[in-house]
């Protein structure tokens, strides 16, 4: 099932760590491993500027980071920065 869901070795290892940390019952289920998703929605600067029209605090909720392979910095939500221990450049 993990192979069908496109898990890499790293993603599968992360899902095992997450289940170990959060499993309430003595026996985890396969669904707990497969449901793990460490993907984060990223935004470019113009996207954040558009958000400011509706939310003047958008730059407080989204911080700039650098991702390997991308030519420019992108923005992600501060909750994702905390959840995945990502270093922002703001």
PDB file of N, CA and C in Angstrom:
ATOM      1  N   UNK A   1       0.826  -1.188   0.000  1.00  0.00           N
ATOM      2  CA  UNK A   1       0.000   0.000   0.000  1.00  0.00           C
ATOM      3  C   UNK A   1       0.870   1.251   0.000  1.00  0.00           C
ATOM      4  N   UNK A   2       1.949   1.239   0.767  1.00  0.00           N
ATOM      5  CA  UNK A   2       2.834   2.412   0.819  1.00  0.00           C
ATOM      6  C   UNK A   2       3.427   2.687  -0.560  1.00  0.00           C
ATOM      7  N   UNK A   3       3.761   1.633  -1.279  1.00  0.00           N
ATOM      8  CA  UNK A   3       4.315   1.792  -2.622  1.00  0.00           C
ATOM      9  C   UNK A   3       3.270   2.393  -3.558  1.00  0.00           C
ATOM     10  N   UNK A   4       2.032   1.924  -3.467  1.00  0.00           N
ATOM     11  CA  UNK A   4       0.953   2.453  -4.295  1.00  0.00           C
ATOM     12  C   UNK A   4       0.688   3.928  -4.003  1.00  0.00           C
ATOM     13  N   UNK A   5       0.898   4.344  -2.770  1.00  0.00           N
ATOM     14  CA  UNK A   5       0.672   5.734  -2.369  1.00  0.00           C
ATOM     15  C   UNK A   5       1.861   6.635  -2.697  1.00  0.00           C
ATOM     16  N   UNK A   6       2.921   6.052  -3.262  1.00  0.00           N
ATOM     17  CA  UNK A   6       4.067   6.846  -3.686  1.00  0.00           C
ATOM     18  C   UNK A   6       5.002   7.265  -2.563  1.00  0.00           C
ATOM     19  N   UNK A   7       5.052   6.480  -1.500  1.00  0.00           N
ATOM     20  CA  UNK A   7       5.927   6.805  -0.388  1.00  0.00           C
ATOM     21  C   UNK A   7       7.394   6.612  -0.780  1.00  0.00           C
ATOM     22  N   UNK A   8       8.217   7.583  -0.442  1.00  0.00           N
ATOM     23  CA  UNK A   8       9.661   7.425  -0.559  1.00  0.00           C
ATOM     24  C   UNK A   8      10.143   6.820   0.754  1.00  0.00           C
ATOM     25  N   UNK A   9      11.401   6.406   0.799  1.00  0.00           N
ATOM     26  CA  UNK A   9      11.948   5.877   2.048  1.00  0.00           C
ATOM     27  C   UNK A   9      11.855   6.921   3.162  1.00  0.00           C
ATOM     28  N   UNK A  10      12.173   8.163   2.810  1.00  0.00           N
ATOM     29  CA  UNK A  10      12.146   9.235   3.810  1.00  0.00           C
ATOM     30  C   UNK A  10      10.723   9.488   4.314  1.00  0.00           C
ATOM     31  N   UNK A  11       9.777   9.527   3.393  1.00  0.00           N
ATOM     32  CA  UNK A  11       8.387   9.779   3.792  1.00  0.00           C
ATOM     33  C   UNK A  11       7.864   8.633   4.660  1.00  0.00           C
ATOM     34  N   UNK A  12       8.234   7.402   4.330  1.00  0.00           N
ATOM     35  CA  UNK A  12       7.782   6.264   5.127  1.00  0.00           C
ATOM     36  C   UNK A  12       8.416   6.312   6.518  1.00  0.00           C
ATOM     37  N   UNK A  13       9.699   6.636   6.588  1.00  0.00           N
ATOM     38  CA  UNK A  13      10.384   6.764   7.876  1.00  0.00           C
ATOM     39  C   UNK A  13       9.713   7.855   8.723  1.00  0.00           C
ATOM     40  N   UNK A  14       9.365   8.982   8.084  1.00  0.00           N
ATOM     41  CA  UNK A  14       8.680  10.061   8.801  1.00  0.00           C
ATOM     42  C   UNK A  14       7.312   9.610   9.308  1.00  0.00           C
ATOM     43  N   UNK A  15       6.610   8.808   8.504  1.00  0.00           N
ATOM     44  CA  UNK A  15       5.294   8.341   8.942  1.00  0.00           C
ATOM     45  C   UNK A  15       5.420   7.400  10.132  1.00  0.00           C
ATOM     46  N   UNK A  16       6.460   6.559  10.144  1.00  0.00           N
ATOM     47  CA  UNK A  16       6.681   5.661  11.283  1.00  0.00           C
ATOM     48  C   UNK A  16       6.958   6.477  12.540  1.00  0.00           C
ATOM     49  N   UNK A  17       7.791   7.500  12.431  1.00  0.00           N
ATOM     50  CA  UNK A  17       8.089   8.355  13.581  1.00  0.00           C
ATOM     51  C   UNK A  17       6.825   9.045  14.085  1.00  0.00           C
ATOM     52  N   UNK A  18       5.995   9.537  13.157  1.00  0.00           N
ATOM     53  CA  UNK A  18       4.764  10.209  13.546  1.00  0.00           C
ATOM     54  C   UNK A  18       3.834   9.244  14.281  1.00  0.00           C
ATOM     55  N   UNK A  19       3.682   8.028  13.780  1.00  0.00           N
ATOM     56  CA  UNK A  19       2.786   7.066  14.423  1.00  0.00           C
ATOM     57  C   UNK A  19       3.329   6.680  15.796  1.00  0.00           C
ATOM     58  N   UNK A  20       4.629   6.509  15.911  1.00  0.00           N
ATOM     59  CA  UNK A  20       5.215   6.177  17.214  1.00  0.00           C
ATOM     60  C   UNK A  20       4.926   7.286  18.224  1.00  0.00           C
ATOM     61  N   UNK A  21       5.013   8.530  17.781  1.00  0.00           N
ATOM     62  CA  UNK A  21       4.793   9.673  18.676  1.00  0.00           C
ATOM     63  C   UNK A  21       3.325   9.879  19.034  1.00  0.00           C
ATOM     64  N   UNK A  22       2.412   9.523  18.122  1.00  0.00           N
ATOM     65  CA  UNK A  22       1.012   9.907  18.314  1.00  0.00           C
ATOM     66  C   UNK A  22       0.034   8.761  18.517  1.00  0.00           C
ATOM     67  N   UNK A  23       0.462   7.522  18.386  1.00  0.00           N
ATOM     68  CA  UNK A  23      -0.463   6.382  18.489  1.00  0.00           C
ATOM     69  C   UNK A  23      -1.000   6.262  19.913  1.00  0.00           C
ATOM     70  N   UNK A  24      -2.315   6.320  20.048  1.00  0.00           N
ATOM     71  CA  UNK A  24      -2.965   6.259  21.355  1.00  0.00           C
ATOM     72  C   UNK A  24      -3.173   4.812  21.790  1.00  0.00           C
ATOM     73  N   UNK A  25      -3.449   3.935  20.857  1.00  0.00           N
ATOM     74  CA  UNK A  25      -3.746   2.550  21.167  1.00  0.00           C
ATOM     75  C   UNK A  25      -2.465   1.715  21.141  1.00  0.00           C
ATOM     76  N   UNK A  26      -2.505   0.552  21.770  1.00  0.00           N
ATOM     77  CA  UNK A  26      -1.280  -0.261  21.802  1.00  0.00           C
ATOM     78  C   UNK A  26      -0.856  -0.798  20.433  1.00  0.00           C
ATOM     79  N   UNK A  27      -1.786  -0.940  19.508  1.00  0.00           N
ATOM     80  CA  UNK A  27      -1.442  -1.468  18.192  1.00  0.00           C
ATOM     81  C   UNK A  27      -1.852  -0.464  17.117  1.00  0.00           C
ATOM     82  N   UNK A  28      -0.863   0.098  16.405  1.00  0.00           N
ATOM     83  CA  UNK A  28      -1.220   1.041  15.336  1.00  0.00           C
ATOM     84  C   UNK A  28      -1.829   0.315  14.144  1.00  0.00           C
ATOM     85  N   UNK A  29      -2.567   1.064  13.337  1.00  0.00           N
ATOM     86  CA  UNK A  29      -3.165   0.482  12.135  1.00  0.00           C
ATOM     87  C   UNK A  29      -2.383   0.943  10.908  1.00  0.00           C
ATOM     88  N   UNK A  30      -2.526   0.216   9.829  1.00  0.00           N
ATOM     89  CA  UNK A  30      -1.886   0.580   8.566  1.00  0.00           C
ATOM     90  C   UNK A  30      -2.364   1.966   8.132  1.00  0.00           C
ATOM     91  N   UNK A  31      -3.617   2.275   8.369  1.00  0.00           N
ATOM     92  CA  UNK A  31      -4.175   3.572   7.969  1.00  0.00           C
ATOM     93  C   UNK A  31      -3.429   4.735   8.619  1.00  0.00           C
ATOM     94  N   UNK A  32      -2.943   4.558   9.826  1.00  0.00           N
ATOM     95  CA  UNK A  32      -2.195   5.630  10.487  1.00  0.00           C
ATOM     96  C   UNK A  32      -0.895   5.934   9.742  1.00  0.00           C
ATOM     97  N   UNK A  33      -0.265   4.914   9.203  1.00  0.00           N
ATOM     98  CA  UNK A  33       0.973   5.121   8.455  1.00  0.00           C
ATOM     99  C   UNK A  33       0.690   5.732   7.085  1.00  0.00           C
ATOM    100  N   UNK A  34      -0.306   5.196   6.399  1.00  0.00           N
ATOM    101  CA  UNK A  34      -0.613   5.621   5.040  1.00  0.00           C
ATOM    102  C   UNK A  34      -1.195   7.032   5.012  1.00  0.00           C
ATOM    103  N   UNK A  35      -1.895   7.430   6.065  1.00  0.00           N
ATOM    104  CA  UNK A  35      -2.520   8.758   6.064  1.00  0.00           C
ATOM    105  C   UNK A  35      -1.513   9.875   6.317  1.00  0.00           C
ATOM    106  N   UNK A  36      -0.298   9.525   6.692  1.00  0.00           N
ATOM    107  CA  UNK A  36       0.716  10.547   6.947  1.00  0.00           C
ATOM    108  C   UNK A  36       1.015  11.298   5.667  1.00  0.00           C
ATOM    109  N   UNK A  37       1.027  12.626   5.767  1.00  0.00           N
ATOM    110  CA  UNK A  37       1.348  13.454   4.607  1.00  0.00           C
ATOM    111  C   UNK A  37       2.128  14.668   5.079  1.00  0.00           C
ATOM    112  N   UNK A  38       3.376  14.749   4.671  1.00  0.00           N
ATOM    113  CA  UNK A  38       4.248  15.838   5.109  1.00  0.00           C
ATOM    114  C   UNK A  38       4.390  16.873   4.006  1.00  0.00           C
ATOM    115  N   UNK A  39       3.346  17.075   3.264  1.00  0.00           N
ATOM    116  CA  UNK A  39       3.376  18.068   2.201  1.00  0.00           C
ATOM    117  C   UNK A  39       2.875  19.396   2.736  1.00  0.00           C
ATOM    118  N   UNK A  40       3.452  20.463   2.221  1.00  0.00           N
ATOM    119  CA  UNK A  40       3.128  21.798   2.687  1.00  0.00           C
ATOM    120  C   UNK A  40       2.771  22.647   1.479  1.00  0.00           C
ATOM    121  N   UNK A  41       1.711  23.425   1.587  1.00  0.00           N
ATOM    122  CA  UNK A  41       1.326  24.338   0.507  1.00  0.00           C
ATOM    123  C   UNK A  41       2.272  25.532   0.518  1.00  0.00           C
ATOM    124  N   UNK A  42       2.858  25.803  -0.636  1.00  0.00           N
ATOM    125  CA  UNK A  42       3.785  26.933  -0.759  1.00  0.00           C
ATOM    126  C   UNK A  42       3.160  28.014  -1.638  1.00  0.00           C
ATOM    127  N   UNK A  43       3.535  29.248  -1.353  1.00  0.00           N
ATOM    128  CA  UNK A  43       3.029  30.393  -2.092  1.00  0.00           C
ATOM    129  C   UNK A  43       4.191  31.258  -2.543  1.00  0.00           C
ATOM    130  N   UNK A  44       4.016  31.915  -3.669  1.00  0.00           N
ATOM    131  CA  UNK A  44       4.994  32.886  -4.133  1.00  0.00           C
ATOM    132  C   UNK A  44       4.580  34.264  -3.613  1.00  0.00           C
ATOM    133  N   UNK A  45       5.504  35.208  -3.708  1.00  0.00           N
ATOM    134  CA  UNK A  45       5.272  36.563  -3.209  1.00  0.00           C
ATOM    135  C   UNK A  45       3.976  37.178  -3.751  1.00  0.00           C
ATOM    136  N   UNK A  46       3.698  37.099  -5.065  1.00  0.00           N
ATOM    137  CA  UNK A  46       2.444  37.685  -5.565  1.00  0.00           C
ATOM    138  C   UNK A  46       1.186  37.066  -4.930  1.00  0.00           C
ATOM    139  N   UNK A  47       1.270  35.774  -4.562  1.00  0.00           N
ATOM    140  CA  UNK A  47       0.136  35.123  -3.896  1.00  0.00           C
ATOM    141  C   UNK A  47      -0.135  35.759  -2.534  1.00  0.00           C
ATOM    142  N   UNK A  48       0.939  36.043  -1.805  1.00  0.00           N
ATOM    143  CA  UNK A  48       0.779  36.648  -0.489  1.00  0.00           C
ATOM    144  C   UNK A  48       0.250  38.073  -0.617  1.00  0.00           C
ATOM    145  N   UNK A  49       0.725  38.791  -1.616  1.00  0.00           N
ATOM    146  CA  UNK A  49       0.230  40.159  -1.857  1.00  0.00           C
ATOM    147  C   UNK A  49      -1.281  40.130  -2.097  1.00  0.00           C
ATOM    148  N   UNK A  50      -1.764  39.162  -2.863  1.00  0.00           N
ATOM    149  CA  UNK A  50      -3.209  39.036  -3.100  1.00  0.00           C
ATOM    150  C   UNK A  50      -3.956  38.746  -1.802  1.00  0.00           C
ATOM    151  N   UNK A  51      -3.334  37.941  -0.916  1.00  0.00           N
ATOM    152  CA  UNK A  51      -3.973  37.615   0.361  1.00  0.00           C
ATOM    153  C   UNK A  51      -4.138  38.857   1.231  1.00  0.00           C
ATOM    154  N   UNK A  52      -3.207  39.788   1.114  1.00  0.00           N
ATOM    155  CA  UNK A  52      -3.241  40.994   1.942  1.00  0.00           C
ATOM    156  C   UNK A  52      -4.519  41.789   1.704  1.00  0.00           C
ATOM    157  N   UNK A  53      -5.081  41.697   0.505  1.00  0.00           N
ATOM    158  CA  UNK A  53      -6.350  42.390   0.225  1.00  0.00           C
ATOM    159  C   UNK A  53      -7.447  41.954   1.195  1.00  0.00           C
ATOM    160  N   UNK A  54      -7.494  40.648   1.498  1.00  0.00           N
ATOM    161  CA  UNK A  54      -8.512  40.120   2.414  1.00  0.00           C
ATOM    162  C   UNK A  54      -8.024  40.052   3.854  1.00  0.00           C
ATOM    163  N   UNK A  55      -6.712  39.906   4.023  1.00  0.00           N
ATOM    164  CA  UNK A  55      -6.145  39.748   5.362  1.00  0.00           C
ATOM    165  C   UNK A  55      -4.866  40.569   5.476  1.00  0.00           C
ATOM    166  N   UNK A  56      -4.951  41.747   6.073  1.00  0.00           N
ATOM    167  CA  UNK A  56      -3.767  42.611   6.196  1.00  0.00           C
ATOM    168  C   UNK A  56      -2.616  41.963   6.969  1.00  0.00           C
ATOM    169  N   UNK A  57      -2.893  40.898   7.703  1.00  0.00           N
ATOM    170  CA  UNK A  57      -1.867  40.218   8.496  1.00  0.00           C
ATOM    171  C   UNK A  57      -1.273  38.995   7.800  1.00  0.00           C
ATOM    172  N   UNK A  58      -1.462  38.874   6.504  1.00  0.00           N
ATOM    173  CA  UNK A  58      -0.981  37.694   5.777  1.00  0.00           C
ATOM    174  C   UNK A  58       0.519  37.490   5.949  1.00  0.00           C
ATOM    175  N   UNK A  59       1.283  38.576   5.977  1.00  0.00           N
ATOM    176  CA  UNK A  59       2.728  38.428   6.130  1.00  0.00           C
ATOM    177  C   UNK A  59       3.116  37.995   7.550  1.00  0.00           C
ATOM    178  N   UNK A  60       2.205  38.085   8.487  1.00  0.00           N
ATOM    179  CA  UNK A  60       2.455  37.557   9.833  1.00  0.00           C
ATOM    180  C   UNK A  60       2.174  36.055   9.879  1.00  0.00           C
ATOM    181  N   UNK A  61       1.241  35.608   9.041  1.00  0.00           N
ATOM    182  CA  UNK A  61       0.852  34.196   9.038  1.00  0.00           C
ATOM    183  C   UNK A  61       1.699  33.347   8.102  1.00  0.00           C
ATOM    184  N   UNK A  62       2.354  33.956   7.132  1.00  0.00           N
ATOM    185  CA  UNK A  62       3.193  33.240   6.168  1.00  0.00           C
ATOM    186  C   UNK A  62       4.604  33.799   6.227  1.00  0.00           C
ATOM    187  N   UNK A  63       5.582  32.925   6.292  1.00  0.00           N
ATOM    188  CA  UNK A  63       6.979  33.344   6.372  1.00  0.00           C
ATOM    189  C   UNK A  63       7.746  32.812   5.167  1.00  0.00           C
ATOM    190  N   UNK A  64       8.794  33.522   4.818  1.00  0.00           N
ATOM    191  CA  UNK A  64       9.600  33.207   3.641  1.00  0.00           C
ATOM    192  C   UNK A  64      10.628  32.131   3.971  1.00  0.00           C
ATOM    193  N   UNK A  65      10.746  31.156   3.065  1.00  0.00           N
ATOM    194  CA  UNK A  65      11.743  30.092   3.199  1.00  0.00           C
ATOM    195  C   UNK A  65      12.404  29.864   1.844  1.00  0.00           C
ATOM    196  N   UNK A  66      13.517  29.161   1.851  1.00  0.00           N
ATOM    197  CA  UNK A  66      14.196  28.776   0.622  1.00  0.00           C
ATOM    198  C   UNK A  66      14.113  27.256   0.511  1.00  0.00           C
ATOM    199  N   UNK A  67      13.666  26.766  -0.643  1.00  0.00           N
ATOM    200  CA  UNK A  67      13.599  25.333  -0.909  1.00  0.00           C
ATOM    201  C   UNK A  67      14.605  24.974  -1.982  1.00  0.00           C
ATOM    202  N   UNK A  68      15.307  23.881  -1.767  1.00  0.00           N
ATOM    203  CA  UNK A  68      16.247  23.409  -2.776  1.00  0.00           C
ATOM    204  C   UNK A  68      15.526  23.189  -4.098  1.00  0.00           C
ATOM    205  N   UNK A  69      16.141  23.611  -5.161  1.00  0.00           N
ATOM    206  CA  UNK A  69      15.587  23.393  -6.488  1.00  0.00           C
ATOM    207  C   UNK A  69      14.681  24.508  -6.986  1.00  0.00           C
ATOM    208  N   UNK A  70      14.350  25.453  -6.126  1.00  0.00           N
ATOM    209  CA  UNK A  70      13.527  26.580  -6.564  1.00  0.00           C
ATOM    210  C   UNK A  70      14.399  27.826  -6.678  1.00  0.00           C
ATOM    211  N   UNK A  71      14.217  28.596  -7.736  1.00  0.00           N
ATOM    212  CA  UNK A  71      15.081  29.761  -7.953  1.00  0.00           C
ATOM    213  C   UNK A  71      14.798  30.945  -7.028  1.00  0.00           C
ATOM    214  N   UNK A  72      13.637  30.935  -6.390  1.00  0.00           N
ATOM    215  CA  UNK A  72      13.283  32.062  -5.526  1.00  0.00           C
ATOM    216  C   UNK A  72      12.696  31.554  -4.218  1.00  0.00           C
ATOM    217  N   UNK A  73      12.694  32.417  -3.229  1.00  0.00           N
ATOM    218  CA  UNK A  73      12.097  32.068  -1.942  1.00  0.00           C
ATOM    219  C   UNK A  73      10.589  31.918  -2.104  1.00  0.00           C
ATOM    220  N   UNK A  74       9.996  31.117  -1.256  1.00  0.00           N
ATOM    221  CA  UNK A  74       8.546  30.917  -1.243  1.00  0.00           C
ATOM    222  C   UNK A  74       8.060  31.154   0.182  1.00  0.00           C
ATOM    223  N   UNK A  75       6.768  31.197   0.353  1.00  0.00           N
ATOM    224  CA  UNK A  75       6.154  31.444   1.660  1.00  0.00           C
ATOM    225  C   UNK A  75       5.335  30.239   2.082  1.00  0.00           C
ATOM    226  N   UNK A  76       5.415  29.899   3.365  1.00  0.00           N
ATOM    227  CA  UNK A  76       4.571  28.840   3.920  1.00  0.00           C
ATOM    228  C   UNK A  76       3.981  29.328   5.233  1.00  0.00           C
ATOM    229  N   UNK A  77       2.909  28.694   5.656  1.00  0.00           N
ATOM    230  CA  UNK A  77       2.190  29.089   6.859  1.00  0.00           C
ATOM    231  C   UNK A  77       3.061  28.848   8.090  1.00  0.00           C
ATOM    232  N   UNK A  78       2.962  29.746   9.060  1.00  0.00           N
ATOM    233  CA  UNK A  78       3.767  29.629  10.276  1.00  0.00           C
ATOM    234  C   UNK A  78       3.479  28.335  11.042  1.00  0.00           C
ATOM    235  N   UNK A  79       2.265  27.803  10.939  1.00  0.00           N
ATOM    236  CA  UNK A  79       1.957  26.527  11.596  1.00  0.00           C
ATOM    237  C   UNK A  79       2.770  25.386  10.993  1.00  0.00           C
ATOM    238  N   UNK A  80       2.958  25.406   9.673  1.00  0.00           N
ATOM    239  CA  UNK A  80       3.769  24.376   9.028  1.00  0.00           C
ATOM    240  C   UNK A  80       5.238  24.534   9.394  1.00  0.00           C
ATOM    241  N   UNK A  81       5.685  25.770   9.544  1.00  0.00           N
ATOM    242  CA  UNK A  81       7.069  26.016   9.964  1.00  0.00           C
ATOM    243  C   UNK A  81       7.301  25.390  11.335  1.00  0.00           C
ATOM    244  N   UNK A  82       6.373  25.585  12.244  1.00  0.00           N
ATOM    245  CA  UNK A  82       6.508  25.024  13.588  1.00  0.00           C
ATOM    246  C   UNK A  82       6.347  23.502  13.578  1.00  0.00           C
ATOM    247  N   UNK A  83       5.357  23.014  12.849  1.00  0.00           N
ATOM    248  CA  UNK A  83       5.058  21.582  12.831  1.00  0.00           C
ATOM    249  C   UNK A  83       6.219  20.761  12.279  1.00  0.00           C
ATOM    250  N   UNK A  84       6.845  21.255  11.215  1.00  0.00           N
ATOM    251  CA  UNK A  84       7.907  20.499  10.554  1.00  0.00           C
ATOM    252  C   UNK A  84       9.307  21.041  10.850  1.00  0.00           C
ATOM    253  N   UNK A  85       9.393  21.981  11.809  1.00  0.00           N
ATOM    254  CA  UNK A  85      10.678  22.550  12.224  1.00  0.00           C
ATOM    255  C   UNK A  85      11.488  23.082  11.031  1.00  0.00           C
ATOM    256  N   UNK A  86      10.845  23.947  10.253  1.00  0.00           N
ATOM    257  CA  UNK A  86      11.450  24.526   9.063  1.00  0.00           C
ATOM    258  C   UNK A  86      12.032  25.884   9.434  1.00  0.00           C
ATOM    259  N   UNK A  87      13.185  26.182   8.907  1.00  0.00           N
ATOM    260  CA  UNK A  87      13.823  27.467   9.194  1.00  0.00           C
ATOM    261  C   UNK A  87      13.329  28.520   8.190  1.00  0.00           C
ATOM    262  N   UNK A  88      12.768  29.609   8.716  1.00  0.00           N
ATOM    263  CA  UNK A  88      12.332  30.700   7.855  1.00  0.00           C
ATOM    264  C   UNK A  88      13.496  31.667   7.686  1.00  0.00           C
ATOM    265  N   UNK A  89      13.409  32.543   6.686  1.00  0.00           N
ATOM    266  CA  UNK A  89      14.481  33.522   6.464  1.00  0.00           C
ATOM    267  C   UNK A  89      14.007  34.928   6.792  1.00  0.00           C
ATOM    268  N   UNK A  90      12.893  35.062   7.479  1.00  0.00           N
ATOM    269  CA  UNK A  90      12.400  36.381   7.925  1.00  0.00           C
ATOM    270  C   UNK A  90      12.945  36.678   9.290  1.00  0.00           C
TER     271      UNK A  90
END
